[in-house]
Amino acid sequence: MGGGYVLDFSDRTFRDFVGRTTKVDISLDKYSANNSGSKANRLRSFTKLENDYTLGLLLKELHAYVIRKDAKAGKLRTSGYYDEFKKVYERLLSGQIIEHIDAIQAINDDKDFHQLAKLIRESIEKNEPEAALDRLHTFLFKFLKELCDSHGVVYTKEESVNAVYGKYIKAIKEKELIESDMAEKIIQSTFQVIQAFNDIRNNRSFAHDNPVLNYDESIFIFSNVTALVKYIQTLELKHKNMSIAEAKPDWTVDF
């Protein structure tokens, strides 16, 4: 950056570039540091205000942009010229927008289950959680059915995800797998969360021709659902559920 400039971007092209890459509108007032609306100051504010993962996405695309620009201009760089910059955005991207996304893994040999987990992961890596809400709902349903099977819980294919979840909760309570009253109350409260997820899937996701839920609320839903899945996995592992113990996440499968 030189002065108030960022590379060769105009105000409009810079806003479009950041928006396409991160889904953030960098023209918002909060990025106008010290009442200066210059592109450079907005970028500096962006680095301070946004999370590591979002910043890493932008730096990675800026890196690719500079490489393309240099190549077009015939500039020859040494192989190590961009290495330090690359290390920065790779470190930033090593964090995740969804803390427990690794909990989204198939727990049986069903190829569709593995492919579903893979597609959800890809959406999160692209910073597009809203595009995978319907898949997350499907994953949760498959996950809970598999757990019910492992506990001998009977359900019908007509039952909703929250009905299956309710049966799972009842089963682990009867087996006294939950040790504290507080954990039990939290688990019980999540029944309403799962019930509300049906509405999101049917009316605010790509499952149908819907207006899709906004990015921030999609992140919030993803974070809560994956945290629940992670807790259930930990609980089942503690009590030696082999369906969970034998599951191995594999994001490279391609069917």
C-alpha atoms as a PDB file:
ATOM      1  CA  MET A   1       0.000   0.000   0.000  1.00  0.00           C
ATOM      2  CA  GLY A   2       1.196   3.466  -0.804  1.00  0.00           C
ATOM      3  CA  GLY A   3      -0.504   6.455   0.780  1.00  0.00           C
ATOM      4  CA  GLY A   4      -4.213   5.690   0.689  1.00  0.00           C
ATOM      5  CA  TYR A   5      -3.966   3.271  -2.220  1.00  0.00           C
ATOM      6  CA  VAL A   6      -4.129  -0.531  -2.355  1.00  0.00           C
ATOM      7  CA  LEU A   7      -2.397  -1.858  -5.471  1.00  0.00           C
ATOM      8  CA  ASP A   8      -4.252  -0.596  -8.546  1.00  0.00           C
ATOM      9  CA  PHE A   9      -7.783  -0.905  -7.131  1.00  0.00           C
ATOM     10  CA  SER A  10     -10.351   1.855  -7.450  1.00  0.00           C
ATOM     11  CA  ASP A  11     -12.804   2.318  -4.565  1.00  0.00           C
ATOM     12  CA  ARG A  12     -15.419   0.316  -6.457  1.00  0.00           C
ATOM     13  CA  THR A  13     -13.173  -2.524  -7.608  1.00  0.00           C
ATOM     14  CA  PHE A  14     -11.630  -2.829  -4.135  1.00  0.00           C
ATOM     15  CA  ARG A  15     -15.060  -3.075  -2.525  1.00  0.00           C
ATOM     16  CA  ASP A  16     -16.130  -5.674  -5.092  1.00  0.00           C
ATOM     17  CA  PHE A  17     -12.920  -7.683  -4.636  1.00  0.00           C
ATOM     18  CA  VAL A  18     -13.232  -7.808  -0.834  1.00  0.00           C
ATOM     19  CA  GLY A  19     -16.942  -8.573  -1.057  1.00  0.00           C
ATOM     20  CA  ARG A  20     -16.491 -11.482  -3.456  1.00  0.00           C
ATOM     21  CA  THR A  21     -13.667 -12.927  -1.385  1.00  0.00           C
ATOM     22  CA  THR A  22     -14.959 -12.506   2.172  1.00  0.00           C
ATOM     23  CA  LYS A  23     -18.646 -11.472   1.921  1.00  0.00           C
ATOM     24  CA  VAL A  24     -17.705  -8.335   3.890  1.00  0.00           C
ATOM     25  CA  ASP A  25     -18.661  -4.824   2.754  1.00  0.00           C
ATOM     26  CA  ILE A  26     -15.459  -2.905   3.380  1.00  0.00           C
ATOM     27  CA  SER A  27     -17.186   0.402   2.602  1.00  0.00           C
ATOM     28  CA  LEU A  28     -19.028   0.246   5.953  1.00  0.00           C
ATOM     29  CA  ASP A  29     -18.288   3.055   8.398  1.00  0.00           C
ATOM     30  CA  LYS A  30     -16.586   0.769  10.915  1.00  0.00           C
ATOM     31  CA  TYR A  31     -13.685   0.296   8.492  1.00  0.00           C
ATOM     32  CA  SER A  32     -13.183   4.045   8.143  1.00  0.00           C
ATOM     33  CA  ALA A  33     -10.327   4.570  10.614  1.00  0.00           C
ATOM     34  CA  ASN A  34      -9.941   8.098  12.001  1.00  0.00           C
ATOM     35  CA  ASN A  35     -12.653   9.230   9.590  1.00  0.00           C
ATOM     36  CA  SER A  36     -10.403   8.356   6.677  1.00  0.00           C
ATOM     37  CA  GLY A  37     -12.156   6.404   3.957  1.00  0.00           C
ATOM     38  CA  SER A  38      -9.023   5.597   1.976  1.00  0.00           C
ATOM     39  CA  LYS A  39      -8.637   2.035   0.728  1.00  0.00           C
ATOM     40  CA  ALA A  40      -5.404   1.583   2.682  1.00  0.00           C
ATOM     41  CA  ASN A  41      -6.961   2.688   5.971  1.00  0.00           C
ATOM     42  CA  ARG A  42      -9.987   0.502   5.354  1.00  0.00           C
ATOM     43  CA  LEU A  43      -7.697  -2.465   4.779  1.00  0.00           C
ATOM     44  CA  ARG A  44      -5.775  -1.671   7.975  1.00  0.00           C
ATOM     45  CA  SER A  45      -9.060  -1.537   9.907  1.00  0.00           C
ATOM     46  CA  PHE A  46     -10.128  -4.803   8.283  1.00  0.00           C
ATOM     47  CA  THR A  47      -6.980  -6.532   9.599  1.00  0.00           C
ATOM     48  CA  LYS A  48      -7.809  -5.367  13.125  1.00  0.00           C
ATOM     49  CA  LEU A  49     -11.559  -6.040  13.155  1.00  0.00           C
ATOM     50  CA  GLU A  50     -11.994  -9.303  11.257  1.00  0.00           C
ATOM     51  CA  ASN A  51     -11.193 -12.808  12.480  1.00  0.00           C
ATOM     52  CA  ASP A  52      -8.038 -14.594  11.385  1.00  0.00           C
ATOM     53  CA  TYR A  53      -9.785 -16.871   8.922  1.00  0.00           C
ATOM     54  CA  THR A  54     -11.564 -14.040   7.070  1.00  0.00           C
ATOM     55  CA  LEU A  55      -8.370 -11.989   6.919  1.00  0.00           C
ATOM     56  CA  GLY A  56      -6.485 -15.027   5.641  1.00  0.00           C
ATOM     57  CA  LEU A  57      -8.996 -15.446   2.810  1.00  0.00           C
ATOM     58  CA  LEU A  58      -8.482 -11.849   1.708  1.00  0.00           C
ATOM     59  CA  LEU A  59      -4.686 -11.988   1.909  1.00  0.00           C
ATOM     60  CA  LYS A  60      -4.629 -15.216  -0.074  1.00  0.00           C
ATOM     61  CA  GLU A  61      -6.675 -13.647  -2.882  1.00  0.00           C
ATOM     62  CA  LEU A  62      -4.580 -10.472  -2.817  1.00  0.00           C
ATOM     63  CA  HIS A  63      -1.513 -12.697  -3.148  1.00  0.00           C
ATOM     64  CA  ALA A  64      -3.015 -14.448  -6.189  1.00  0.00           C
ATOM     65  CA  TYR A  65      -4.017 -11.075  -7.642  1.00  0.00           C
ATOM     66  CA  VAL A  66      -0.452  -9.722  -7.397  1.00  0.00           C
ATOM     67  CA  ILE A  67       0.982 -12.866  -8.982  1.00  0.00           C
ATOM     68  CA  ARG A  68      -1.430 -12.567 -11.920  1.00  0.00           C
ATOM     69  CA  LYS A  69      -0.657  -8.865 -12.248  1.00  0.00           C
ATOM     70  CA  ASP A  70       3.117  -9.458 -12.210  1.00  0.00           C
ATOM     71  CA  ALA A  71       2.832 -12.272 -14.745  1.00  0.00           C
ATOM     72  CA  LYS A  72       0.796 -10.094 -17.077  1.00  0.00           C
ATOM     73  CA  ALA A  73       3.404  -7.332 -16.782  1.00  0.00           C
ATOM     74  CA  GLY A  74       6.226  -9.803 -17.427  1.00  0.00           C
ATOM     75  CA  LYS A  75       7.802  -9.359 -14.010  1.00  0.00           C
ATOM     76  CA  LEU A  76       9.947 -12.321 -13.066  1.00  0.00           C
ATOM     77  CA  ARG A  77      10.229 -13.021  -9.345  1.00  0.00           C
ATOM     78  CA  THR A  78      12.354 -15.548  -7.496  1.00  0.00           C
ATOM     79  CA  SER A  79      10.487 -18.544  -6.100  1.00  0.00           C
ATOM     80  CA  GLY A  80      10.931 -17.204  -2.561  1.00  0.00           C
ATOM     81  CA  TYR A  81       9.773 -13.660  -3.266  1.00  0.00           C
ATOM     82  CA  TYR A  82       6.266 -14.165  -1.846  1.00  0.00           C
ATOM     83  CA  ASP A  83       7.100 -16.828   0.744  1.00  0.00           C
ATOM     84  CA  GLU A  84       6.832 -14.641   3.854  1.00  0.00           C
ATOM     85  CA  PHE A  85       3.479 -13.266   2.767  1.00  0.00           C
ATOM     86  CA  LYS A  86       2.253 -16.773   2.005  1.00  0.00           C
ATOM     87  CA  LYS A  87       3.279 -17.967   5.470  1.00  0.00           C
ATOM     88  CA  VAL A  88       1.158 -15.233   7.023  1.00  0.00           C
ATOM     89  CA  TYR A  89      -2.085 -16.101   5.261  1.00  0.00           C
ATOM     90  CA  GLU A  90      -1.542 -19.840   5.639  1.00  0.00           C
ATOM     91  CA  ARG A  91      -1.153 -19.370   9.384  1.00  0.00           C
ATOM     92  CA  LEU A  92      -4.321 -17.269   9.476  1.00  0.00           C
ATOM     93  CA  LEU A  93      -6.230 -19.848   7.453  1.00  0.00           C
ATOM     94  CA  SER A  94      -5.143 -22.648   9.769  1.00  0.00           C
ATOM     95  CA  GLY A  95      -7.878 -21.420  12.100  1.00  0.00           C
ATOM     96  CA  GLN A  96     -11.512 -22.192  11.222  1.00  0.00           C
ATOM     97  CA  ILE A  97     -14.689 -20.152  11.168  1.00  0.00           C
ATOM     98  CA  ILE A  98     -16.472 -23.122  12.765  1.00  0.00           C
ATOM     99  CA  GLU A  99     -14.559 -24.389  15.790  1.00  0.00           C
ATOM    100  CA  HIS A 100     -15.811 -27.986  15.775  1.00  0.00           C
ATOM    101  CA  ILE A 101     -16.137 -28.553  12.025  1.00  0.00           C
ATOM    102  CA  ASP A 102     -13.965 -31.685  12.321  1.00  0.00           C
ATOM    103  CA  ALA A 103     -16.827 -33.265  14.253  1.00  0.00           C
ATOM    104  CA  ILE A 104     -18.729 -33.459  10.960  1.00  0.00           C
ATOM    105  CA  GLN A 105     -17.642 -36.938   9.950  1.00  0.00           C
ATOM    106  CA  ALA A 106     -19.479 -40.039   8.800  1.00  0.00           C
ATOM    107  CA  ILE A 107     -19.787 -42.752  11.446  1.00  0.00           C
ATOM    108  CA  ASN A 108     -20.580 -45.653   9.142  1.00  0.00           C
ATOM    109  CA  ASP A 109     -19.494 -46.930   5.725  1.00  0.00           C
ATOM    110  CA  ASP A 110     -22.299 -45.210   3.802  1.00  0.00           C
ATOM    111  CA  LYS A 111     -20.652 -43.476   0.822  1.00  0.00           C
ATOM    112  CA  ASP A 112     -23.397 -40.837   0.734  1.00  0.00           C
ATOM    113  CA  PHE A 113     -22.717 -40.075   4.394  1.00  0.00           C
ATOM    114  CA  HIS A 114     -19.005 -39.560   3.674  1.00  0.00           C
ATOM    115  CA  GLN A 115     -19.731 -37.441   0.607  1.00  0.00           C
ATOM    116  CA  LEU A 116     -22.174 -35.325   2.598  1.00  0.00           C
ATOM    117  CA  ALA A 117     -19.554 -34.617   5.272  1.00  0.00           C
ATOM    118  CA  LYS A 118     -17.024 -33.756   2.566  1.00  0.00           C
ATOM    119  CA  LEU A 119     -19.381 -31.260   0.875  1.00  0.00           C
ATOM    120  CA  ILE A 120     -20.166 -29.565   4.193  1.00  0.00           C
ATOM    121  CA  ARG A 121     -16.462 -29.209   4.908  1.00  0.00           C
ATOM    122  CA  GLU A 122     -15.857 -27.698   1.480  1.00  0.00           C
ATOM    123  CA  SER A 123     -18.581 -25.100   2.024  1.00  0.00           C
ATOM    124  CA  ILE A 124     -16.981 -24.050   5.310  1.00  0.00           C
ATOM    125  CA  GLU A 125     -13.522 -23.883   3.714  1.00  0.00           C
ATOM    126  CA  LYS A 126     -15.016 -21.553   1.083  1.00  0.00           C
ATOM    127  CA  ASN A 127     -16.544 -19.427   3.872  1.00  0.00           C
ATOM    128  CA  GLU A 128     -20.052 -20.216   2.613  1.00  0.00           C
ATOM    129  CA  PRO A 129     -21.899 -21.697   5.620  1.00  0.00           C
ATOM    130  CA  GLU A 130     -25.288 -20.542   4.345  1.00  0.00           C
ATOM    131  CA  ALA A 131     -24.831 -22.787   1.279  1.00  0.00           C
ATOM    132  CA  ALA A 132     -24.585 -25.907   3.442  1.00  0.00           C
ATOM    133  CA  LEU A 133     -27.393 -25.492   5.980  1.00  0.00           C
ATOM    134  CA  ASP A 134     -29.587 -28.093   4.280  1.00  0.00           C
ATOM    135  CA  ARG A 135     -26.649 -30.512   4.122  1.00  0.00           C
ATOM    136  CA  LEU A 136     -25.900 -29.946   7.799  1.00  0.00           C
ATOM    137  CA  HIS A 137     -29.522 -30.803   8.595  1.00  0.00           C
ATOM    138  CA  THR A 138     -29.251 -34.011   6.549  1.00  0.00           C
ATOM    139  CA  PHE A 139     -25.945 -34.878   8.210  1.00  0.00           C
ATOM    140  CA  LEU A 140     -27.418 -34.386  11.680  1.00  0.00           C
ATOM    141  CA  PHE A 141     -30.340 -36.658  10.809  1.00  0.00           C
ATOM    142  CA  LYS A 142     -28.022 -39.424   9.553  1.00  0.00           C
ATOM    143  CA  PHE A 143     -25.767 -38.993  12.589  1.00  0.00           C
ATOM    144  CA  LEU A 144     -28.631 -39.297  15.084  1.00  0.00           C
ATOM    145  CA  LYS A 145     -30.167 -42.303  13.309  1.00  0.00           C
ATOM    146  CA  GLU A 146     -26.840 -44.109  13.426  1.00  0.00           C
ATOM    147  CA  LEU A 147     -26.541 -43.393  17.155  1.00  0.00           C
ATOM    148  CA  CYS A 148     -30.088 -44.586  17.783  1.00  0.00           C
ATOM    149  CA  ASP A 149     -29.256 -47.808  15.943  1.00  0.00           C
ATOM    150  CA  SER A 150     -26.205 -48.290  18.158  1.00  0.00           C
ATOM    151  CA  HIS A 151     -28.390 -47.901  21.276  1.00  0.00           C
ATOM    152  CA  GLY A 152     -31.171 -50.142  19.987  1.00  0.00           C
ATOM    153  CA  VAL A 153     -33.615 -47.236  19.693  1.00  0.00           C
ATOM    154  CA  VAL A 154     -36.473 -47.851  17.248  1.00  0.00           C
ATOM    155  CA  TYR A 155     -37.665 -45.037  14.963  1.00  0.00           C
ATOM    156  CA  THR A 156     -39.555 -44.773  11.703  1.00  0.00           C
ATOM    157  CA  LYS A 157     -38.431 -43.083   8.492  1.00  0.00           C
ATOM    158  CA  GLU A 158     -41.397 -40.710   8.777  1.00  0.00           C
ATOM    159  CA  GLU A 159     -40.145 -39.206  12.054  1.00  0.00           C
ATOM    160  CA  SER A 160     -38.545 -35.759  12.066  1.00  0.00           C
ATOM    161  CA  VAL A 161     -34.981 -35.043  13.156  1.00  0.00           C
ATOM    162  CA  ASN A 162     -36.150 -33.587  16.466  1.00  0.00           C
ATOM    163  CA  ALA A 163     -38.297 -36.676  17.161  1.00  0.00           C
ATOM    164  CA  VAL A 164     -35.289 -38.935  16.573  1.00  0.00           C
ATOM    165  CA  TYR A 165     -33.152 -36.632  18.713  1.00  0.00           C
ATOM    166  CA  GLY A 166     -35.743 -36.798  21.499  1.00  0.00           C
ATOM    167  CA  LYS A 167     -35.562 -40.592  21.449  1.00  0.00           C
ATOM    168  CA  TYR A 168     -31.761 -40.454  21.567  1.00  0.00           C
ATOM    169  CA  ILE A 169     -31.834 -38.093  24.573  1.00  0.00           C
ATOM    170  CA  LYS A 170     -34.253 -40.424  26.364  1.00  0.00           C
ATOM    171  CA  ALA A 171     -31.976 -43.403  25.692  1.00  0.00           C
ATOM    172  CA  ILE A 172     -28.798 -41.822  27.060  1.00  0.00           C
ATOM    173  CA  LYS A 173     -30.684 -40.491  30.092  1.00  0.00           C
ATOM    174  CA  GLU A 174     -32.028 -43.957  30.869  1.00  0.00           C
ATOM    175  CA  LYS A 175     -28.501 -45.357  30.590  1.00  0.00           C
ATOM    176  CA  GLU A 176     -27.282 -42.553  32.902  1.00  0.00           C
ATOM    177  CA  LEU A 177     -24.603 -41.415  30.480  1.00  0.00           C
ATOM    178  CA  ILE A 178     -25.067 -37.784  31.550  1.00  0.00           C
ATOM    179  CA  GLU A 179     -23.550 -37.112  34.954  1.00  0.00           C
ATOM    180  CA  SER A 180     -24.647 -33.587  35.951  1.00  0.00           C
ATOM    181  CA  ASP A 181     -28.020 -31.861  36.163  1.00  0.00           C
ATOM    182  CA  MET A 182     -26.642 -28.873  34.275  1.00  0.00           C
ATOM    183  CA  ALA A 183     -25.412 -30.947  31.333  1.00  0.00           C
ATOM    184  CA  GLU A 184     -28.786 -32.679  31.243  1.00  0.00           C
ATOM    185  CA  LYS A 185     -30.624 -29.351  31.161  1.00  0.00           C
ATOM    186  CA  ILE A 186     -28.385 -28.086  28.353  1.00  0.00           C
ATOM    187  CA  ILE A 187     -29.008 -31.273  26.373  1.00  0.00           C
ATOM    188  CA  GLN A 188     -32.755 -30.933  26.917  1.00  0.00           C
ATOM    189  CA  SER A 189     -32.705 -27.296  25.793  1.00  0.00           C
ATOM    190  CA  THR A 190     -31.045 -28.280  22.532  1.00  0.00           C
ATOM    191  CA  PHE A 191     -34.201 -30.206  21.604  1.00  0.00           C
ATOM    192  CA  GLN A 192     -35.823 -26.860  20.747  1.00  0.00           C
ATOM    193  CA  VAL A 193     -32.761 -25.893  18.703  1.00  0.00           C
ATOM    194  CA  ILE A 194     -33.030 -29.071  16.636  1.00  0.00           C
ATOM    195  CA  GLN A 195     -36.763 -28.531  16.241  1.00  0.00           C
ATOM    196  CA  ALA A 196     -36.180 -24.999  14.931  1.00  0.00           C
ATOM    197  CA  PHE A 197     -33.557 -26.379  12.524  1.00  0.00           C
ATOM    198  CA  ASN A 198     -36.387 -28.017  10.559  1.00  0.00           C
ATOM    199  CA  ASP A 199     -37.780 -24.583   9.710  1.00  0.00           C
ATOM    200  CA  ILE A 200     -34.354 -23.311   8.652  1.00  0.00           C
ATOM    201  CA  ARG A 201     -33.848 -26.324   6.407  1.00  0.00           C
ATOM    202  CA  ASN A 202     -37.294 -26.068   4.802  1.00  0.00           C
ATOM    203  CA  ASN A 203     -37.626 -22.295   4.492  1.00  0.00           C
ATOM    204  CA  ARG A 204     -34.179 -20.656   4.681  1.00  0.00           C
ATOM    205  CA  SER A 205     -31.805 -23.009   2.867  1.00  0.00           C
ATOM    206  CA  PHE A 206     -31.107 -24.303  -0.624  1.00  0.00           C
ATOM    207  CA  ALA A 207     -33.252 -27.371   0.111  1.00  0.00           C
ATOM    208  CA  HIS A 208     -36.026 -25.492  -1.683  1.00  0.00           C
ATOM    209  CA  ASP A 209     -36.453 -22.263  -3.644  1.00  0.00           C
ATOM    210  CA  ASN A 210     -36.012 -20.085  -0.552  1.00  0.00           C
ATOM    211  CA  PRO A 211     -34.450 -16.798   0.498  1.00  0.00           C
ATOM    212  CA  VAL A 212     -31.293 -18.176   2.116  1.00  0.00           C
ATOM    213  CA  LEU A 213     -30.418 -17.267   5.700  1.00  0.00           C
ATOM    214  CA  ASN A 214     -27.796 -14.534   6.171  1.00  0.00           C
ATOM    215  CA  TYR A 215     -24.122 -15.324   6.725  1.00  0.00           C
ATOM    216  CA  ASP A 216     -23.840 -14.350  10.413  1.00  0.00           C
ATOM    217  CA  GLU A 217     -26.843 -16.399  11.542  1.00  0.00           C
ATOM    218  CA  SER A 218     -25.660 -19.318   9.407  1.00  0.00           C
ATOM    219  CA  ILE A 219     -22.322 -19.216  11.259  1.00  0.00           C
ATOM    220  CA  PHE A 220     -24.179 -19.070  14.576  1.00  0.00           C
ATOM    221  CA  ILE A 221     -26.310 -22.110  13.697  1.00  0.00           C
ATOM    222  CA  PHE A 222     -23.336 -24.057  12.359  1.00  0.00           C
ATOM    223  CA  SER A 223     -21.304 -23.316  15.492  1.00  0.00           C
ATOM    224  CA  ASN A 224     -24.052 -24.524  17.818  1.00  0.00           C
ATOM    225  CA  VAL A 225     -24.933 -27.658  15.863  1.00  0.00           C
ATOM    226  CA  THR A 226     -21.300 -28.718  15.431  1.00  0.00           C
ATOM    227  CA  ALA A 227     -20.641 -28.069  19.140  1.00  0.00           C
ATOM    228  CA  LEU A 228     -23.569 -30.365  19.961  1.00  0.00           C
ATOM    229  CA  VAL A 229     -22.269 -33.069  17.612  1.00  0.00           C
ATOM    230  CA  LYS A 230     -18.811 -32.745  19.157  1.00  0.00           C
ATOM    231  CA  TYR A 231     -20.230 -33.141  22.672  1.00  0.00           C
ATOM    232  CA  ILE A 232     -22.225 -36.221  21.660  1.00  0.00           C
ATOM    233  CA  GLN A 233     -19.136 -37.756  20.075  1.00  0.00           C
ATOM    234  CA  THR A 234     -17.143 -37.131  23.253  1.00  0.00           C
ATOM    235  CA  LEU A 235     -19.939 -38.576  25.402  1.00  0.00           C
ATOM    236  CA  GLU A 236     -20.266 -41.699  23.267  1.00  0.00           C
ATOM    237  CA  LEU A 237     -16.510 -42.251  23.127  1.00  0.00           C
ATOM    238  CA  LYS A 238     -16.321 -41.984  26.902  1.00  0.00           C
ATOM    239  CA  HIS A 239     -18.825 -44.819  27.120  1.00  0.00           C
ATOM    240  CA  LYS A 240     -17.110 -46.860  24.400  1.00  0.00           C
ATOM    241  CA  ASN A 241     -19.568 -46.526  21.515  1.00  0.00           C
ATOM    242  CA  MET A 242     -17.641 -48.266  18.742  1.00  0.00           C
ATOM    243  CA  SER A 243     -19.597 -46.530  15.984  1.00  0.00           C
ATOM    244  CA  ILE A 244     -17.927 -43.301  17.070  1.00  0.00           C
ATOM    245  CA  ALA A 245     -14.586 -44.850  18.010  1.00  0.00           C
ATOM    246  CA  GLU A 246     -14.083 -46.420  14.596  1.00  0.00           C
ATOM    247  CA  ALA A 247     -15.069 -43.314  12.623  1.00  0.00           C
ATOM    248  CA  LYS A 248     -12.206 -41.663  10.805  1.00  0.00           C
ATOM    249  CA  PRO A 249     -12.729 -38.295   9.118  1.00  0.00           C
ATOM    250  CA  ASP A 250     -11.669 -38.330   5.485  1.00  0.00           C
ATOM    251  CA  TRP A 251     -12.150 -35.129   3.544  1.00  0.00           C
ATOM    252  CA  THR A 252     -10.442 -36.505   0.427  1.00  0.00           C
ATOM    253  CA  VAL A 253     -13.027 -39.110  -0.553  1.00  0.00           C
ATOM    254  CA  ASP A 254     -14.553 -38.496  -3.941  1.00  0.00           C
ATOM    255  CA  PHE A 255     -17.394 -40.591  -5.302  1.00  0.00           C
END
